[in-house]
Amino acid sequence: MKSIEEQMKEISRRKKRYENGVKNRVLVMTGAGLLMSLIAVVSIAPGANAVYEQSKTTVLGSTILDAKTGGYVLAALIGFALGVIVTLFCRQYRKNSSERNQDAQ
């Protein structure tokens, strides 16, 4: 028969495992949603063709980029978003693995 303290530790350990499982499911669903939206953007972007006319006036500022650089900017944004997602997954994985190691000890 386990003592009350051992039973409470076991309950706390199970509760923490359950809460981590819920957090992981939310994180996976968020990542899947972001991945689907990135795939949608990548599949829609090549079909977005527009006719650009050469402007006679020169305007500096946010319009300094040429119309042809839009694809590079889109690729950079997608790469940045994927980098953020991978970083969040790695941090969550390391946190979970360190918690499992502490529970095992």
PDB file of N, CA and C in Angstrom:
ATOM      1  N   MET A   1       0.846  -1.178   0.000  1.00  0.00           N
ATOM      2  CA  MET A   1       0.000   0.000   0.000  1.00  0.00           C
ATOM      3  C   MET A   1       0.889   1.238   0.000  1.00  0.00           C
ATOM      4  N   LYS A   2       0.549   2.153  -0.848  1.00  0.00           N
ATOM      5  CA  LYS A   2       1.323   3.397  -0.944  1.00  0.00           C
ATOM      6  C   LYS A   2       0.839   4.379   0.110  1.00  0.00           C
ATOM      7  N   SER A   3       1.787   5.194   0.544  1.00  0.00           N
ATOM      8  CA  SER A   3       1.401   6.226   1.506  1.00  0.00           C
ATOM      9  C   SER A   3       0.668   7.349   0.771  1.00  0.00           C
ATOM     10  N   ILE A   4       0.081   8.218   1.542  1.00  0.00           N
ATOM     11  CA  ILE A   4      -0.683   9.328   0.957  1.00  0.00           C
ATOM     12  C   ILE A   4       0.235  10.250   0.160  1.00  0.00           C
ATOM     13  N   GLU A   5       1.450  10.480   0.663  1.00  0.00           N
ATOM     14  CA  GLU A   5       2.380  11.347  -0.072  1.00  0.00           C
ATOM     15  C   GLU A   5       2.759  10.742  -1.416  1.00  0.00           C
ATOM     16  N   GLU A   6       2.985   9.430  -1.450  1.00  0.00           N
ATOM     17  CA  GLU A   6       3.311   8.771  -2.705  1.00  0.00           C
ATOM     18  C   GLU A   6       2.134   8.835  -3.674  1.00  0.00           C
ATOM     19  N   GLN A   7       0.931   8.668  -3.149  1.00  0.00           N
ATOM     20  CA  GLN A   7      -0.258   8.761  -3.987  1.00  0.00           C
ATOM     21  C   GLN A   7      -0.420  10.169  -4.552  1.00  0.00           C
ATOM     22  N   MET A   8      -0.168  11.188  -3.729  1.00  0.00           N
ATOM     23  CA  MET A   8      -0.280  12.578  -4.209  1.00  0.00           C
ATOM     24  C   MET A   8       0.785  12.877  -5.266  1.00  0.00           C
ATOM     25  N   LYS A   9       1.989  12.350  -5.090  1.00  0.00           N
ATOM     26  CA  LYS A   9       3.031  12.541  -6.102  1.00  0.00           C
ATOM     27  C   LYS A   9       2.624  11.889  -7.415  1.00  0.00           C
ATOM     28  N   GLU A  10       2.056  10.704  -7.324  1.00  0.00           N
ATOM     29  CA  GLU A  10       1.600  10.001  -8.524  1.00  0.00           C
ATOM     30  C   GLU A  10       0.477  10.774  -9.216  1.00  0.00           C
ATOM     31  N   ILE A  11      -0.445  11.308  -8.440  1.00  0.00           N
ATOM     32  CA  ILE A  11      -1.530  12.115  -9.007  1.00  0.00           C
ATOM     33  C   ILE A  11      -0.968  13.355  -9.683  1.00  0.00           C
ATOM     34  N   SER A  12      -0.023  14.021  -9.026  1.00  0.00           N
ATOM     35  CA  SER A  12       0.596  15.219  -9.616  1.00  0.00           C
ATOM     36  C   SER A  12       1.335  14.881 -10.898  1.00  0.00           C
ATOM     37  N   ARG A  13       2.040  13.750 -10.905  1.00  0.00           N
ATOM     38  CA  ARG A  13       2.778  13.343 -12.093  1.00  0.00           C
ATOM     39  C   ARG A  13       1.824  13.045 -13.246  1.00  0.00           C
ATOM     40  N   ARG A  14       0.741  12.365 -12.979  1.00  0.00           N
ATOM     41  CA  ARG A  14      -0.244  12.063 -14.028  1.00  0.00           C
ATOM     42  C   ARG A  14      -0.919  13.324 -14.538  1.00  0.00           C
ATOM     43  N   LYS A  15      -1.218  14.251 -13.628  1.00  0.00           N
ATOM     44  CA  LYS A  15      -1.841  15.517 -14.031  1.00  0.00           C
ATOM     45  C   LYS A  15      -0.908  16.299 -14.946  1.00  0.00           C
ATOM     46  N   LYS A  16       0.376  16.349 -14.593  1.00  0.00           N
ATOM     47  CA  LYS A  16       1.348  17.072 -15.416  1.00  0.00           C
ATOM     48  C   LYS A  16       1.482  16.420 -16.781  1.00  0.00           C
ATOM     49  N   ARG A  17       1.482  15.082 -16.826  1.00  0.00           N
ATOM     50  CA  ARG A  17       1.568  14.379 -18.099  1.00  0.00           C
ATOM     51  C   ARG A  17       0.341  14.680 -18.958  1.00  0.00           C
ATOM     52  N   TYR A  18      -0.841  14.704 -18.352  1.00  0.00           N
ATOM     53  CA  TYR A  18      -2.070  15.010 -19.083  1.00  0.00           C
ATOM     54  C   TYR A  18      -2.035  16.439 -19.631  1.00  0.00           C
ATOM     55  N   GLU A  19      -1.628  17.391 -18.792  1.00  0.00           N
ATOM     56  CA  GLU A  19      -1.567  18.793 -19.237  1.00  0.00           C
ATOM     57  C   GLU A  19      -0.552  18.963 -20.359  1.00  0.00           C
ATOM     58  N   ASN A  20       0.586  18.270 -20.282  1.00  0.00           N
ATOM     59  CA  ASN A  20       1.571  18.343 -21.360  1.00  0.00           C
ATOM     60  C   ASN A  20       1.011  17.747 -22.644  1.00  0.00           C
ATOM     61  N   GLY A  21       0.231  16.675 -22.524  1.00  0.00           N
ATOM     62  CA  GLY A  21      -0.391  16.091 -23.707  1.00  0.00           C
ATOM     63  C   GLY A  21      -1.355  17.055 -24.380  1.00  0.00           C
ATOM     64  N   VAL A  22      -2.134  17.767 -23.567  1.00  0.00           N
ATOM     65  CA  VAL A  22      -3.073  18.755 -24.113  1.00  0.00           C
ATOM     66  C   VAL A  22      -2.303  19.880 -24.805  1.00  0.00           C
ATOM     67  N   LYS A  23      -1.234  20.357 -24.164  1.00  0.00           N
ATOM     68  CA  LYS A  23      -0.427  21.425 -24.772  1.00  0.00           C
ATOM     69  C   LYS A  23       0.187  20.957 -26.085  1.00  0.00           C
ATOM     70  N   ASN A  24       0.679  19.722 -26.104  1.00  0.00           N
ATOM     71  CA  ASN A  24       1.273  19.196 -27.331  1.00  0.00           C
ATOM     72  C   ASN A  24       0.250  19.083 -28.448  1.00  0.00           C
ATOM     73  N   ARG A  25      -0.969  18.644 -28.130  1.00  0.00           N
ATOM     74  CA  ARG A  25      -2.007  18.552 -29.162  1.00  0.00           C
ATOM     75  C   ARG A  25      -2.347  19.934 -29.719  1.00  0.00           C
ATOM     76  N   VAL A  26      -2.438  20.926 -28.846  1.00  0.00           N
ATOM     77  CA  VAL A  26      -2.725  22.290 -29.310  1.00  0.00           C
ATOM     78  C   VAL A  26      -1.585  22.785 -30.199  1.00  0.00           C
ATOM     79  N   LEU A  27      -0.356  22.519 -29.800  1.00  0.00           N
ATOM     80  CA  LEU A  27       0.796  22.949 -30.582  1.00  0.00           C
ATOM     81  C   LEU A  27       0.831  22.259 -31.935  1.00  0.00           C
ATOM     82  N   VAL A  28       0.530  20.973 -31.968  1.00  0.00           N
ATOM     83  CA  VAL A  28       0.519  20.234 -33.231  1.00  0.00           C
ATOM     84  C   VAL A  28      -0.591  20.752 -34.139  1.00  0.00           C
ATOM     85  N   MET A  29      -1.760  21.009 -33.583  1.00  0.00           N
ATOM     86  CA  MET A  29      -2.864  21.520 -34.410  1.00  0.00           C
ATOM     87  C   MET A  29      -2.549  22.914 -34.949  1.00  0.00           C
ATOM     88  N   THR A  30      -1.930  23.749 -34.133  1.00  0.00           N
ATOM     89  CA  THR A  30      -1.538  25.082 -34.600  1.00  0.00           C
ATOM     90  C   THR A  30      -0.510  24.970 -35.712  1.00  0.00           C
ATOM     91  N   GLY A  31       0.476  24.117 -35.522  1.00  0.00           N
ATOM     92  CA  GLY A  31       1.484  23.910 -36.559  1.00  0.00           C
ATOM     93  C   GLY A  31       0.880  23.372 -37.844  1.00  0.00           C
ATOM     94  N   ALA A  32      -0.067  22.441 -37.716  1.00  0.00           N
ATOM     95  CA  ALA A  32      -0.712  21.892 -38.907  1.00  0.00           C
ATOM     96  C   ALA A  32      -1.512  22.966 -39.635  1.00  0.00           C
ATOM     97  N   GLY A  33      -2.195  23.816 -38.885  1.00  0.00           N
ATOM     98  CA  GLY A  33      -2.944  24.901 -39.513  1.00  0.00           C
ATOM     99  C   GLY A  33      -2.029  25.881 -40.229  1.00  0.00           C
ATOM    100  N   LEU A  34      -0.913  26.218 -39.598  1.00  0.00           N
ATOM    101  CA  LEU A  34       0.048  27.114 -40.244  1.00  0.00           C
ATOM    102  C   LEU A  34       0.657  26.468 -41.481  1.00  0.00           C
ATOM    103  N   LEU A  35       0.947  25.183 -41.390  1.00  0.00           N
ATOM    104  CA  LEU A  35       1.499  24.487 -42.544  1.00  0.00           C
ATOM    105  C   LEU A  35       0.515  24.476 -43.705  1.00  0.00           C
ATOM    106  N   MET A  36      -0.752  24.232 -43.410  1.00  0.00           N
ATOM    107  CA  MET A  36      -1.769  24.249 -44.472  1.00  0.00           C
ATOM    108  C   MET A  36      -1.888  25.635 -45.109  1.00  0.00           C
ATOM    109  N   SER A  37      -1.830  26.669 -44.279  1.00  0.00           N
ATOM    110  CA  SER A  37      -1.918  28.017 -44.845  1.00  0.00           C
ATOM    111  C   SER A  37      -0.686  28.343 -45.681  1.00  0.00           C
ATOM    112  N   LEU A  38       0.494  27.877 -45.266  1.00  0.00           N
ATOM    113  CA  LEU A  38       1.694  28.099 -46.071  1.00  0.00           C
ATOM    114  C   LEU A  38       1.614  27.350 -47.394  1.00  0.00           C
ATOM    115  N   ILE A  39       1.106  26.137 -47.356  1.00  0.00           N
ATOM    116  CA  ILE A  39       0.951  25.372 -48.599  1.00  0.00           C
ATOM    117  C   ILE A  39      -0.037  26.070 -49.530  1.00  0.00           C
ATOM    118  N   ALA A  40      -1.110  26.619 -48.958  1.00  0.00           N
ATOM    119  CA  ALA A  40      -2.084  27.345 -49.777  1.00  0.00           C
ATOM    120  C   ALA A  40      -1.449  28.573 -50.415  1.00  0.00           C
ATOM    121  N   VAL A  41      -0.651  29.299 -49.651  1.00  0.00           N
ATOM    122  CA  VAL A  41       0.010  30.492 -50.193  1.00  0.00           C
ATOM    123  C   VAL A  41       0.982  30.109 -51.297  1.00  0.00           C
ATOM    124  N   VAL A  42       1.745  29.055 -51.074  1.00  0.00           N
ATOM    125  CA  VAL A  42       2.722  28.639 -52.083  1.00  0.00           C
ATOM    126  C   VAL A  42       2.030  28.157 -53.346  1.00  0.00           C
ATOM    127  N   SER A  43       0.897  27.483 -53.215  1.00  0.00           N
ATOM    128  CA  SER A  43       0.213  26.988 -54.410  1.00  0.00           C
ATOM    129  C   SER A  43      -0.540  28.101 -55.145  1.00  0.00           C
ATOM    130  N   ILE A  44      -0.983  29.116 -54.424  1.00  0.00           N
ATOM    131  CA  ILE A  44      -1.727  30.209 -55.057  1.00  0.00           C
ATOM    132  C   ILE A  44      -0.789  31.256 -55.658  1.00  0.00           C
ATOM    133  N   ALA A  45       0.353  31.463 -55.043  1.00  0.00           N
ATOM    134  CA  ALA A  45       1.259  32.542 -55.456  1.00  0.00           C
ATOM    135  C   ALA A  45       1.708  32.456 -56.914  1.00  0.00           C
ATOM    136  N   PRO A  46       2.090  31.293 -57.448  1.00  0.00           N
ATOM    137  CA  PRO A  46       2.521  31.282 -58.858  1.00  0.00           C
ATOM    138  C   PRO A  46       1.409  31.657 -59.836  1.00  0.00           C
ATOM    139  N   GLY A  47       0.167  31.436 -59.483  1.00  0.00           N
ATOM    140  CA  GLY A  47      -0.934  31.766 -60.379  1.00  0.00           C
ATOM    141  C   GLY A  47      -1.342  33.228 -60.331  1.00  0.00           C
ATOM    142  N   ALA A  48      -0.786  33.981 -59.420  1.00  0.00           N
ATOM    143  CA  ALA A  48      -1.137  35.400 -59.294  1.00  0.00           C
ATOM    144  C   ALA A  48      -0.265  36.211 -60.241  1.00  0.00           C
ATOM    145  N   ASN A  49      -0.735  36.377 -61.441  1.00  0.00           N
ATOM    146  CA  ASN A  49      -0.018  37.165 -62.438  1.00  0.00           C
ATOM    147  C   ASN A  49      -0.674  38.526 -62.569  1.00  0.00           C
ATOM    148  N   ALA A  50       0.132  39.509 -62.739  1.00  0.00           N
ATOM    149  CA  ALA A  50      -0.388  40.865 -62.910  1.00  0.00           C
ATOM    150  C   ALA A  50       0.432  41.568 -63.989  1.00  0.00           C
ATOM    151  N   VAL A  51      -0.173  42.541 -64.589  1.00  0.00           N
ATOM    152  CA  VAL A  51       0.509  43.334 -65.609  1.00  0.00           C
ATOM    153  C   VAL A  51       1.032  44.591 -64.934  1.00  0.00           C
ATOM    154  N   TYR A  52       2.313  44.807 -65.072  1.00  0.00           N
ATOM    155  CA  TYR A  52       2.940  45.973 -64.473  1.00  0.00           C
ATOM    156  C   TYR A  52       3.340  46.937 -65.577  1.00  0.00           C
ATOM    157  N   GLU A  53       3.033  48.198 -65.340  1.00  0.00           N
ATOM    158  CA  GLU A  53       3.417  49.222 -66.301  1.00  0.00           C
ATOM    159  C   GLU A  53       4.589  50.005 -65.729  1.00  0.00           C
ATOM    160  N   GLN A  54       5.472  50.390 -66.602  1.00  0.00           N
ATOM    161  CA  GLN A  54       6.625  51.166 -66.170  1.00  0.00           C
ATOM    162  C   GLN A  54       6.174  52.580 -65.825  1.00  0.00           C
ATOM    163  N   SER A  55       6.469  52.987 -64.625  1.00  0.00           N
ATOM    164  CA  SER A  55       6.100  54.316 -64.190  1.00  0.00           C
ATOM    165  C   SER A  55       7.134  55.320 -64.686  1.00  0.00           C
ATOM    166  N   LYS A  56       6.662  56.470 -65.095  1.00  0.00           N
ATOM    167  CA  LYS A  56       7.580  57.496 -65.583  1.00  0.00           C
ATOM    168  C   LYS A  56       8.184  58.282 -64.432  1.00  0.00           C
ATOM    169  N   THR A  57       7.503  58.284 -63.311  1.00  0.00           N
ATOM    170  CA  THR A  57       8.047  59.001 -62.164  1.00  0.00           C
ATOM    171  C   THR A  57       8.772  58.004 -61.260  1.00  0.00           C
ATOM    172  N   THR A  58       9.779  58.497 -60.607  1.00  0.00           N
ATOM    173  CA  THR A  58      10.546  57.651 -59.702  1.00  0.00           C
ATOM    174  C   THR A  58      10.156  57.990 -58.273  1.00  0.00           C
ATOM    175  N   VAL A  59       9.744  56.970 -57.544  1.00  0.00           N
ATOM    176  CA  VAL A  59       9.352  57.143 -56.154  1.00  0.00           C
ATOM    177  C   VAL A  59      10.221  56.227 -55.317  1.00  0.00           C
ATOM    178  N   LEU A  60      10.834  56.769 -54.301  1.00  0.00           N
ATOM    179  CA  LEU A  60      11.658  55.953 -53.424  1.00  0.00           C
ATOM    180  C   LEU A  60      10.862  55.578 -52.181  1.00  0.00           C
ATOM    181  N   GLY A  61      11.329  54.612 -51.472  1.00  0.00           N
ATOM    182  CA  GLY A  61      10.640  54.174 -50.262  1.00  0.00           C
ATOM    183  C   GLY A  61      10.246  52.729 -50.391  1.00  0.00           C
ATOM    184  N   SER A  62       9.005  52.421 -50.062  1.00  0.00           N
ATOM    185  CA  SER A  62       8.570  51.027 -50.109  1.00  0.00           C
ATOM    186  C   SER A  62       8.415  50.526 -51.537  1.00  0.00           C
ATOM    187  N   THR A  63       8.362  51.405 -52.503  1.00  0.00           N
ATOM    188  CA  THR A  63       8.226  50.980 -53.899  1.00  0.00           C
ATOM    189  C   THR A  63       9.585  50.865 -54.580  1.00  0.00           C
ATOM    190  N   ILE A  64      10.650  50.849 -53.809  1.00  0.00           N
ATOM    191  CA  ILE A  64      11.985  50.767 -54.411  1.00  0.00           C
ATOM    192  C   ILE A  64      12.239  49.386 -55.013  1.00  0.00           C
ATOM    193  N   LEU A  65      11.508  48.377 -54.541  1.00  0.00           N
ATOM    194  CA  LEU A  65      11.665  47.029 -55.081  1.00  0.00           C
ATOM    195  C   LEU A  65      10.958  46.905 -56.416  1.00  0.00           C
ATOM    196  N   ASP A  66      11.565  46.155 -57.290  1.00  0.00           N
ATOM    197  CA  ASP A  66      10.988  45.906 -58.600  1.00  0.00           C
ATOM    198  C   ASP A  66       9.836  44.908 -58.466  1.00  0.00           C
ATOM    199  N   ALA A  67       8.963  44.868 -59.439  1.00  0.00           N
ATOM    200  CA  ALA A  67       7.815  43.964 -59.392  1.00  0.00           C
ATOM    201  C   ALA A  67       8.260  42.504 -59.436  1.00  0.00           C
ATOM    202  N   LYS A  68       9.404  42.224 -60.008  1.00  0.00           N
ATOM    203  CA  LYS A  68       9.884  40.850 -60.131  1.00  0.00           C
ATOM    204  C   LYS A  68      10.410  40.294 -58.812  1.00  0.00           C
ATOM    205  N   THR A  69      10.659  41.131 -57.844  1.00  0.00           N
ATOM    206  CA  THR A  69      11.208  40.663 -56.568  1.00  0.00           C
ATOM    207  C   THR A  69      10.130  40.162 -55.614  1.00  0.00           C
ATOM    208  N   GLY A  70       8.889  40.208 -56.001  1.00  0.00           N
ATOM    209  CA  GLY A  70       7.802  39.751 -55.138  1.00  0.00           C
ATOM    210  C   GLY A  70       7.943  38.290 -54.741  1.00  0.00           C
ATOM    211  N   GLY A  71       8.393  37.465 -55.658  1.00  0.00           N
ATOM    212  CA  GLY A  71       8.586  36.050 -55.353  1.00  0.00           C
ATOM    213  C   GLY A  71       9.648  35.826 -54.302  1.00  0.00           C
ATOM    214  N   TYR A  72      10.721  36.616 -54.361  1.00  0.00           N
ATOM    215  CA  TYR A  72      11.787  36.482 -53.367  1.00  0.00           C
ATOM    216  C   TYR A  72      11.308  36.914 -51.989  1.00  0.00           C
ATOM    217  N   VAL A  73      10.523  37.970 -51.952  1.00  0.00           N
ATOM    218  CA  VAL A  73       9.989  38.437 -50.671  1.00  0.00           C
ATOM    219  C   VAL A  73       9.042  37.392 -50.096  1.00  0.00           C
ATOM    220  N   LEU A  74       8.205  36.803 -50.934  1.00  0.00           N
ATOM    221  CA  LEU A  74       7.288  35.757 -50.487  1.00  0.00           C
ATOM    222  C   LEU A  74       8.056  34.541 -49.973  1.00  0.00           C
ATOM    223  N   ALA A  75       9.099  34.141 -50.698  1.00  0.00           N
ATOM    224  CA  ALA A  75       9.919  33.007 -50.250  1.00  0.00           C
ATOM    225  C   ALA A  75      10.596  33.317 -48.918  1.00  0.00           C
ATOM    226  N   ALA A  76      11.043  34.550 -48.720  1.00  0.00           N
ATOM    227  CA  ALA A  76      11.670  34.928 -47.453  1.00  0.00           C
ATOM    228  C   ALA A  76      10.665  34.882 -46.309  1.00  0.00           C
ATOM    229  N   LEU A  77       9.458  35.360 -46.540  1.00  0.00           N
ATOM    230  CA  LEU A  77       8.426  35.319 -45.496  1.00  0.00           C
ATOM    231  C   LEU A  77       8.052  33.884 -45.141  1.00  0.00           C
ATOM    232  N   ILE A  78       7.921  33.036 -46.133  1.00  0.00           N
ATOM    233  CA  ILE A  78       7.594  31.633 -45.881  1.00  0.00           C
ATOM    234  C   ILE A  78       8.729  30.954 -45.129  1.00  0.00           C
ATOM    235  N   GLY A  79       9.958  31.228 -45.527  1.00  0.00           N
ATOM    236  CA  GLY A  79      11.117  30.660 -44.834  1.00  0.00           C
ATOM    237  C   GLY A  79      11.192  31.122 -43.387  1.00  0.00           C
ATOM    238  N   PHE A  80      10.916  32.386 -43.154  1.00  0.00           N
ATOM    239  CA  PHE A  80      10.922  32.912 -41.782  1.00  0.00           C
ATOM    240  C   PHE A  80       9.834  32.244 -40.941  1.00  0.00           C
ATOM    241  N   ALA A  81       8.632  32.112 -41.499  1.00  0.00           N
ATOM    242  CA  ALA A  81       7.539  31.482 -40.759  1.00  0.00           C
ATOM    243  C   ALA A  81       7.863  30.027 -40.445  1.00  0.00           C
ATOM    244  N   LEU A  82       8.425  29.305 -41.402  1.00  0.00           N
ATOM    245  CA  LEU A  82       8.804  27.918 -41.147  1.00  0.00           C
ATOM    246  C   LEU A  82       9.897  27.829 -40.089  1.00  0.00           C
ATOM    247  N   GLY A  83      10.832  28.762 -40.103  1.00  0.00           N
ATOM    248  CA  GLY A  83      11.882  28.791 -39.088  1.00  0.00           C
ATOM    249  C   GLY A  83      11.316  29.009 -37.695  1.00  0.00           C
ATOM    250  N   VAL A  84      10.342  29.888 -37.581  1.00  0.00           N
ATOM    251  CA  VAL A  84       9.704  30.132 -36.288  1.00  0.00           C
ATOM    252  C   VAL A  84       8.970  28.887 -35.812  1.00  0.00           C
ATOM    253  N   ILE A  85       8.259  28.226 -36.716  1.00  0.00           N
ATOM    254  CA  ILE A  85       7.512  27.023 -36.345  1.00  0.00           C
ATOM    255  C   ILE A  85       8.462  25.918 -35.886  1.00  0.00           C
ATOM    256  N   VAL A  86       9.536  25.697 -36.634  1.00  0.00           N
ATOM    257  CA  VAL A  86      10.493  24.654 -36.257  1.00  0.00           C
ATOM    258  C   VAL A  86      11.144  24.977 -34.916  1.00  0.00           C
ATOM    259  N   THR A  87      11.451  26.239 -34.682  1.00  0.00           N
ATOM    260  CA  THR A  87      12.038  26.637 -33.407  1.00  0.00           C
ATOM    261  C   THR A  87      11.083  26.374 -32.250  1.00  0.00           C
ATOM    262  N   LEU A  88       9.818  26.690 -32.421  1.00  0.00           N
ATOM    263  CA  LEU A  88       8.840  26.433 -31.361  1.00  0.00           C
ATOM    264  C   LEU A  88       8.697  24.941 -31.082  1.00  0.00           C
ATOM    265  N   PHE A  89       8.679  24.127 -32.139  1.00  0.00           N
ATOM    266  CA  PHE A  89       8.599  22.681 -31.946  1.00  0.00           C
ATOM    267  C   PHE A  89       9.834  22.154 -31.205  1.00  0.00           C
ATOM    268  N   CYS A  90      11.009  22.650 -31.568  1.00  0.00           N
ATOM    269  CA  CYS A  90      12.243  22.202 -30.906  1.00  0.00           C
ATOM    270  C   CYS A  90      12.253  22.592 -29.435  1.00  0.00           C
ATOM    271  N   ARG A  91      11.822  23.807 -29.129  1.00  0.00           N
ATOM    272  CA  ARG A  91      11.786  24.232 -27.733  1.00  0.00           C
ATOM    273  C   ARG A  91      10.809  23.391 -26.927  1.00  0.00           C
ATOM    274  N   GLN A  92       9.646  23.086 -27.504  1.00  0.00           N
ATOM    275  CA  GLN A  92       8.659  22.266 -26.804  1.00  0.00           C
ATOM    276  C   GLN A  92       9.193  20.852 -26.601  1.00  0.00           C
ATOM    277  N   TYR A  93       9.877  20.308 -27.598  1.00  0.00           N
ATOM    278  CA  TYR A  93      10.427  18.959 -27.488  1.00  0.00           C
ATOM    279  C   TYR A  93      11.491  18.901 -26.383  1.00  0.00           C
ATOM    280  N   ARG A  94      12.374  19.892 -26.347  1.00  0.00           N
ATOM    281  CA  ARG A  94      13.414  19.914 -25.314  1.00  0.00           C
ATOM    282  C   ARG A  94      12.804  20.071 -23.929  1.00  0.00           C
ATOM    283  N   LYS A  95      11.773  20.882 -23.817  1.00  0.00           N
ATOM    284  CA  LYS A  95      11.116  21.071 -22.526  1.00  0.00           C
ATOM    285  C   LYS A  95      10.473  19.774 -22.063  1.00  0.00           C
ATOM    286  N   ASN A  96       9.789  19.086 -22.968  1.00  0.00           N
ATOM    287  CA  ASN A  96       9.131  17.826 -22.618  1.00  0.00           C
ATOM    288  C   ASN A  96      10.143  16.747 -22.265  1.00  0.00           C
ATOM    289  N   SER A  97      11.244  16.678 -23.010  1.00  0.00           N
ATOM    290  CA  SER A  97      12.237  15.650 -22.716  1.00  0.00           C
ATOM    291  C   SER A  97      12.933  15.914 -21.387  1.00  0.00           C
ATOM    292  N   SER A  98      13.175  17.168 -21.053  1.00  0.00           N
ATOM    293  CA  SER A  98      13.797  17.465 -19.746  1.00  0.00           C
ATOM    294  C   SER A  98      12.827  17.157 -18.604  1.00  0.00           C
ATOM    295  N   GLU A  99      11.529  17.394 -18.812  1.00  0.00           N
ATOM    296  CA  GLU A  99      10.548  17.052 -17.791  1.00  0.00           C
ATOM    297  C   GLU A  99      10.446  15.538 -17.601  1.00  0.00           C
ATOM    298  N   ARG A 100      10.528  14.785 -18.707  1.00  0.00           N
ATOM    299  CA  ARG A 100      10.495  13.329 -18.597  1.00  0.00           C
ATOM    300  C   ARG A 100      11.721  12.806 -17.848  1.00  0.00           C
ATOM    301  N   ASN A 101      12.872  13.426 -18.097  1.00  0.00           N
ATOM    302  CA  ASN A 101      14.083  13.005 -17.393  1.00  0.00           C
ATOM    303  C   ASN A 101      13.985  13.301 -15.901  1.00  0.00           C
ATOM    304  N   GLN A 102      13.373  14.423 -15.552  1.00  0.00           N
ATOM    305  CA  GLN A 102      13.208  14.772 -14.131  1.00  0.00           C
ATOM    306  C   GLN A 102      12.218  13.824 -13.470  1.00  0.00           C
ATOM    307  N   ASP A 103      11.161  13.438 -14.170  1.00  0.00           N
ATOM    308  CA  ASP A 103      10.190  12.506 -13.617  1.00  0.00           C
ATOM    309  C   ASP A 103      10.787  11.118 -13.405  1.00  0.00           C
ATOM    310  N   ALA A 104      11.688  10.734 -14.313  1.00  0.00           N
ATOM    311  CA  ALA A 104      12.306   9.410 -14.214  1.00  0.00           C
ATOM    312  C   ALA A 104      13.257   9.326 -13.022  1.00  0.00           C
ATOM    313  N   GLN A 105      13.813  10.451 -12.636  1.00  0.00           N
ATOM    314  CA  GLN A 105      14.770  10.436 -11.515  1.00  0.00           C
ATOM    315  C   GLN A 105      14.039  10.503 -10.250  1.00  0.00           C
TER     316      GLN A 105
END
